Amino acid sequence: MAFSVVQRRRELAVRAALGAQRRQLSGLVLARGARLALLGIPVGLFGALALSRFLSALLYGIGERHPLTFAVVAVMLGTVALAACCCPRARRRG
C-alpha cells in the first residue's frame, strides 16, 4: 500500500489542489486497500480449503477444516490489511 500511495502521489496532490479534503483522500487509499482485501481474503480462504488436506500434517490440535480458525484468520488478515492502508496515509500527512 505504501508503494501504491507513492505511485498515486501526484494524483492525490491534484485532488487536494482541486479542493479534496484529507478525509476524502484517506478514503481513497482505504477504499483501494479494502477492495484488495475483499478480493484477496476469499481467494486465500479458497486456496487454504483446497490445500487443507496437504497442510493437515502441520496442524496440531485442530481439524484440517476448523471453521473458527478460518474465520479468525480472515478477520485478522482484514484488520492487518486496513492497518497497512492507514500507515502510508499517516506518514504522508507529516
N, C-alpha and C. Protein backbone atom coordinates (compact mmCIF):
# COMPACT_ATOMS: atom_id res chain seq x y z
N MET A 1 0.82 -1.19 0.00
CA MET A 1 0.00 0.00 0.00
C MET A 1 0.86 1.25 0.00
N ALA A 2 2.00 1.19 0.67
CA ALA A 2 2.88 2.35 0.68
C ALA A 2 3.36 2.65 -0.74
N PHE A 3 3.68 1.62 -1.48
CA PHE A 3 4.11 1.81 -2.86
C PHE A 3 2.98 2.39 -3.71
N SER A 4 1.77 1.92 -3.48
CA SER A 4 0.62 2.44 -4.21
C SER A 4 0.39 3.92 -3.91
N VAL A 5 0.56 4.31 -2.66
CA VAL A 5 0.39 5.71 -2.29
C VAL A 5 1.47 6.57 -2.95
N VAL A 6 2.70 6.05 -2.97
CA VAL A 6 3.78 6.80 -3.62
C VAL A 6 3.50 6.95 -5.11
N GLN A 7 3.01 5.89 -5.75
CA GLN A 7 2.69 5.98 -7.17
C GLN A 7 1.57 6.98 -7.44
N ARG A 8 0.62 7.07 -6.56
CA ARG A 8 -0.53 7.95 -6.75
C ARG A 8 -0.33 9.32 -6.13
N ARG A 9 0.89 9.64 -5.72
CA ARG A 9 1.17 10.90 -5.03
C ARG A 9 0.72 12.10 -5.85
N ARG A 10 1.04 12.11 -7.13
CA ARG A 10 0.64 13.25 -7.97
C ARG A 10 -0.86 13.35 -8.11
N GLU A 11 -1.51 12.22 -8.29
CA GLU A 11 -2.97 12.23 -8.39
C GLU A 11 -3.59 12.78 -7.11
N LEU A 12 -3.09 12.33 -5.97
CA LEU A 12 -3.62 12.80 -4.70
C LEU A 12 -3.34 14.29 -4.50
N ALA A 13 -2.18 14.74 -4.98
CA ALA A 13 -1.85 16.17 -4.88
C ALA A 13 -2.78 17.01 -5.74
N VAL A 14 -3.10 16.51 -6.94
CA VAL A 14 -4.02 17.24 -7.82
C VAL A 14 -5.41 17.29 -7.19
N ARG A 15 -5.83 16.18 -6.64
CA ARG A 15 -7.14 16.16 -5.98
C ARG A 15 -7.18 17.15 -4.81
N ALA A 16 -6.08 17.19 -4.05
CA ALA A 16 -6.01 18.13 -2.92
C ALA A 16 -6.02 19.57 -3.42
N ALA A 17 -5.32 19.84 -4.53
CA ALA A 17 -5.29 21.19 -5.08
C ALA A 17 -6.66 21.61 -5.60
N LEU A 18 -7.45 20.64 -6.04
CA LEU A 18 -8.79 20.95 -6.54
C LEU A 18 -9.84 21.02 -5.43
N GLY A 19 -9.40 20.83 -4.18
CA GLY A 19 -10.32 21.03 -3.07
C GLY A 19 -10.70 19.80 -2.28
N ALA A 20 -10.11 18.66 -2.57
CA ALA A 20 -10.44 17.46 -1.82
C ALA A 20 -9.90 17.59 -0.39
N GLN A 21 -10.68 17.16 0.55
CA GLN A 21 -10.28 17.18 1.95
C GLN A 21 -9.39 15.98 2.27
N ARG A 22 -8.63 16.06 3.35
CA ARG A 22 -7.78 14.94 3.76
C ARG A 22 -8.60 13.68 3.98
N ARG A 23 -9.78 13.87 4.51
CA ARG A 23 -10.65 12.73 4.78
C ARG A 23 -11.02 12.00 3.48
N GLN A 24 -11.28 12.76 2.43
CA GLN A 24 -11.61 12.16 1.14
C GLN A 24 -10.41 11.44 0.55
N LEU A 25 -9.23 12.03 0.67
CA LEU A 25 -8.02 11.39 0.16
C LEU A 25 -7.71 10.12 0.94
N SER A 26 -7.91 10.17 2.24
CA SER A 26 -7.71 8.98 3.05
C SER A 26 -8.70 7.90 2.67
N GLY A 27 -9.91 8.32 2.37
CA GLY A 27 -10.94 7.37 1.94
C GLY A 27 -10.58 6.66 0.66
N LEU A 28 -9.92 7.38 -0.26
CA LEU A 28 -9.48 6.74 -1.49
C LEU A 28 -8.46 5.63 -1.22
N VAL A 29 -7.52 5.92 -0.34
CA VAL A 29 -6.49 4.93 -0.01
C VAL A 29 -7.12 3.74 0.72
N LEU A 30 -7.99 4.03 1.68
CA LEU A 30 -8.64 2.95 2.43
C LEU A 30 -9.56 2.12 1.54
N ALA A 31 -10.24 2.77 0.61
CA ALA A 31 -11.14 2.04 -0.29
C ALA A 31 -10.36 1.08 -1.18
N ARG A 32 -9.21 1.54 -1.67
CA ARG A 32 -8.41 0.65 -2.52
C ARG A 32 -7.89 -0.54 -1.71
N GLY A 33 -7.43 -0.28 -0.50
CA GLY A 33 -6.95 -1.37 0.34
C GLY A 33 -8.06 -2.34 0.73
N ALA A 34 -9.22 -1.80 1.04
CA ALA A 34 -10.36 -2.66 1.40
C ALA A 34 -10.79 -3.50 0.21
N ARG A 35 -10.77 -2.90 -0.97
CA ARG A 35 -11.13 -3.64 -2.18
C ARG A 35 -10.17 -4.80 -2.41
N LEU A 36 -8.87 -4.54 -2.25
CA LEU A 36 -7.88 -5.59 -2.42
C LEU A 36 -8.06 -6.69 -1.36
N ALA A 37 -8.33 -6.28 -0.13
CA ALA A 37 -8.54 -7.27 0.93
C ALA A 37 -9.79 -8.09 0.69
N LEU A 38 -10.86 -7.44 0.24
CA LEU A 38 -12.11 -8.16 -0.02
C LEU A 38 -11.99 -9.13 -1.20
N LEU A 39 -11.07 -8.87 -2.09
CA LEU A 39 -10.81 -9.81 -3.17
C LEU A 39 -9.83 -10.90 -2.74
N GLY A 40 -8.83 -10.53 -1.96
CA GLY A 40 -7.78 -11.46 -1.60
C GLY A 40 -8.15 -12.46 -0.53
N ILE A 41 -8.93 -12.04 0.44
CA ILE A 41 -9.28 -12.95 1.54
C ILE A 41 -10.09 -14.15 1.06
N PRO A 42 -11.12 -13.98 0.24
CA PRO A 42 -11.84 -15.17 -0.25
C PRO A 42 -10.97 -16.07 -1.12
N VAL A 43 -10.10 -15.49 -1.92
CA VAL A 43 -9.20 -16.30 -2.74
C VAL A 43 -8.27 -17.11 -1.83
N GLY A 44 -7.75 -16.47 -0.79
CA GLY A 44 -6.89 -17.17 0.16
C GLY A 44 -7.63 -18.25 0.93
N LEU A 45 -8.85 -17.97 1.33
CA LEU A 45 -9.64 -18.99 2.03
C LEU A 45 -9.93 -20.18 1.13
N PHE A 46 -10.25 -19.91 -0.12
CA PHE A 46 -10.50 -20.99 -1.06
C PHE A 46 -9.23 -21.83 -1.25
N GLY A 47 -8.10 -21.15 -1.39
CA GLY A 47 -6.83 -21.87 -1.53
C GLY A 47 -6.50 -22.68 -0.29
N ALA A 48 -6.77 -22.12 0.88
CA ALA A 48 -6.50 -22.84 2.13
C ALA A 48 -7.41 -24.06 2.26
N LEU A 49 -8.66 -23.91 1.86
CA LEU A 49 -9.57 -25.07 1.90
C LEU A 49 -9.11 -26.14 0.92
N ALA A 50 -8.66 -25.71 -0.25
CA ALA A 50 -8.21 -26.68 -1.26
C ALA A 50 -6.94 -27.40 -0.81
N LEU A 51 -6.06 -26.71 -0.10
CA LEU A 51 -4.79 -27.30 0.32
C LEU A 51 -4.82 -27.83 1.75
N SER A 52 -5.97 -27.80 2.41
CA SER A 52 -6.03 -28.17 3.82
C SER A 52 -5.64 -29.63 4.04
N ARG A 53 -5.93 -30.49 3.12
CA ARG A 53 -5.56 -31.89 3.29
C ARG A 53 -4.04 -32.04 3.31
N PHE A 54 -3.35 -31.26 2.48
CA PHE A 54 -1.90 -31.33 2.43
C PHE A 54 -1.25 -30.65 3.64
N LEU A 55 -1.93 -29.66 4.18
CA LEU A 55 -1.40 -28.92 5.33
C LEU A 55 -1.77 -29.55 6.67
N SER A 56 -2.57 -30.60 6.66
CA SER A 56 -3.05 -31.19 7.91
C SER A 56 -1.90 -31.72 8.77
N ALA A 57 -0.79 -32.10 8.17
CA ALA A 57 0.35 -32.58 8.94
C ALA A 57 0.98 -31.45 9.76
N LEU A 58 0.81 -30.21 9.34
CA LEU A 58 1.39 -29.08 10.05
C LEU A 58 0.51 -28.58 11.19
N LEU A 59 -0.74 -29.01 11.22
CA LEU A 59 -1.69 -28.54 12.22
C LEU A 59 -1.68 -29.46 13.43
N TYR A 60 -1.67 -28.88 14.60
CA TYR A 60 -1.67 -29.68 15.83
C TYR A 60 -2.83 -29.24 16.70
N GLY A 61 -3.71 -30.14 17.01
CA GLY A 61 -4.78 -29.86 17.95
C GLY A 61 -6.05 -29.30 17.34
N ILE A 62 -6.07 -29.06 16.04
CA ILE A 62 -7.30 -28.59 15.39
C ILE A 62 -7.52 -29.41 14.13
N GLY A 63 -8.75 -29.46 13.69
CA GLY A 63 -9.07 -30.18 12.47
C GLY A 63 -8.58 -29.43 11.24
N GLU A 64 -8.52 -30.15 10.14
CA GLU A 64 -7.98 -29.51 8.92
C GLU A 64 -8.92 -28.47 8.32
N ARG A 65 -10.20 -28.52 8.68
CA ARG A 65 -11.15 -27.51 8.18
C ARG A 65 -11.95 -26.93 9.33
N HIS A 66 -11.26 -26.44 10.31
CA HIS A 66 -11.88 -25.87 11.51
C HIS A 66 -12.44 -24.49 11.17
N PRO A 67 -13.77 -24.32 11.18
CA PRO A 67 -14.36 -23.06 10.73
C PRO A 67 -13.97 -21.85 11.57
N LEU A 68 -13.82 -22.01 12.87
CA LEU A 68 -13.45 -20.88 13.73
C LEU A 68 -12.04 -20.37 13.37
N THR A 69 -11.14 -21.28 13.08
CA THR A 69 -9.79 -20.89 12.69
C THR A 69 -9.81 -20.09 11.40
N PHE A 70 -10.56 -20.55 10.42
CA PHE A 70 -10.67 -19.83 9.15
C PHE A 70 -11.28 -18.45 9.35
N ALA A 71 -12.29 -18.36 10.21
CA ALA A 71 -12.95 -17.08 10.45
C ALA A 71 -12.00 -16.11 11.16
N VAL A 72 -11.29 -16.58 12.17
CA VAL A 72 -10.37 -15.72 12.92
C VAL A 72 -9.25 -15.23 12.02
N VAL A 73 -8.71 -16.12 11.21
CA VAL A 73 -7.63 -15.73 10.29
C VAL A 73 -8.13 -14.70 9.28
N ALA A 74 -9.33 -14.88 8.75
CA ALA A 74 -9.88 -13.94 7.78
C ALA A 74 -10.07 -12.56 8.40
N VAL A 75 -10.58 -12.51 9.63
CA VAL A 75 -10.79 -11.23 10.31
C VAL A 75 -9.45 -10.56 10.61
N MET A 76 -8.49 -11.35 11.07
CA MET A 76 -7.17 -10.78 11.38
C MET A 76 -6.48 -10.25 10.13
N LEU A 77 -6.57 -10.98 9.03
CA LEU A 77 -5.96 -10.51 7.79
C LEU A 77 -6.64 -9.24 7.28
N GLY A 78 -7.95 -9.16 7.42
CA GLY A 78 -8.66 -7.94 7.04
C GLY A 78 -8.24 -6.76 7.90
N THR A 79 -8.06 -6.99 9.19
CA THR A 79 -7.62 -5.93 10.10
C THR A 79 -6.21 -5.46 9.76
N VAL A 80 -5.33 -6.40 9.48
CA VAL A 80 -3.95 -6.06 9.12
C VAL A 80 -3.92 -5.31 7.79
N ALA A 81 -4.77 -5.71 6.85
CA ALA A 81 -4.82 -5.03 5.55
C ALA A 81 -5.27 -3.58 5.71
N LEU A 82 -6.27 -3.34 6.53
CA LEU A 82 -6.72 -1.96 6.76
C LEU A 82 -5.68 -1.15 7.54
N ALA A 83 -4.98 -1.80 8.46
CA ALA A 83 -3.91 -1.11 9.17
C ALA A 83 -2.78 -0.74 8.22
N ALA A 84 -2.51 -1.62 7.26
CA ALA A 84 -1.48 -1.33 6.26
C ALA A 84 -1.88 -0.15 5.39
N CYS A 85 -3.16 0.09 5.24
CA CYS A 85 -3.61 1.25 4.47
C CYS A 85 -3.47 2.53 5.28
N CYS A 86 -3.59 2.43 6.58
CA CYS A 86 -3.50 3.62 7.44
C CYS A 86 -2.07 4.10 7.60
N CYS A 87 -1.10 3.21 7.57
CA CYS A 87 0.30 3.60 7.79
C CYS A 87 0.83 4.57 6.73
N PRO A 88 0.70 4.28 5.43
CA PRO A 88 1.20 5.25 4.46
C PRO A 88 0.40 6.54 4.46
N ARG A 89 -0.87 6.44 4.79
CA ARG A 89 -1.72 7.63 4.85
C ARG A 89 -1.23 8.54 5.96
N ALA A 90 -0.93 7.97 7.13
CA ALA A 90 -0.48 8.78 8.26
C ALA A 90 0.91 9.35 8.00
N ARG A 91 1.76 8.58 7.35
CA ARG A 91 3.12 9.05 7.08
C ARG A 91 3.12 10.19 6.08
N ARG A 92 2.20 10.20 5.15
CA ARG A 92 2.15 11.24 4.14
C ARG A 92 1.66 12.58 4.68
N ARG A 93 0.99 12.56 5.84
CA ARG A 93 0.47 13.81 6.41
C ARG A 93 1.58 14.74 6.85
N GLY A 94 2.63 14.14 7.42
CA GLY A 94 3.68 14.96 8.01
C GLY A 94 4.72 15.42 7.07
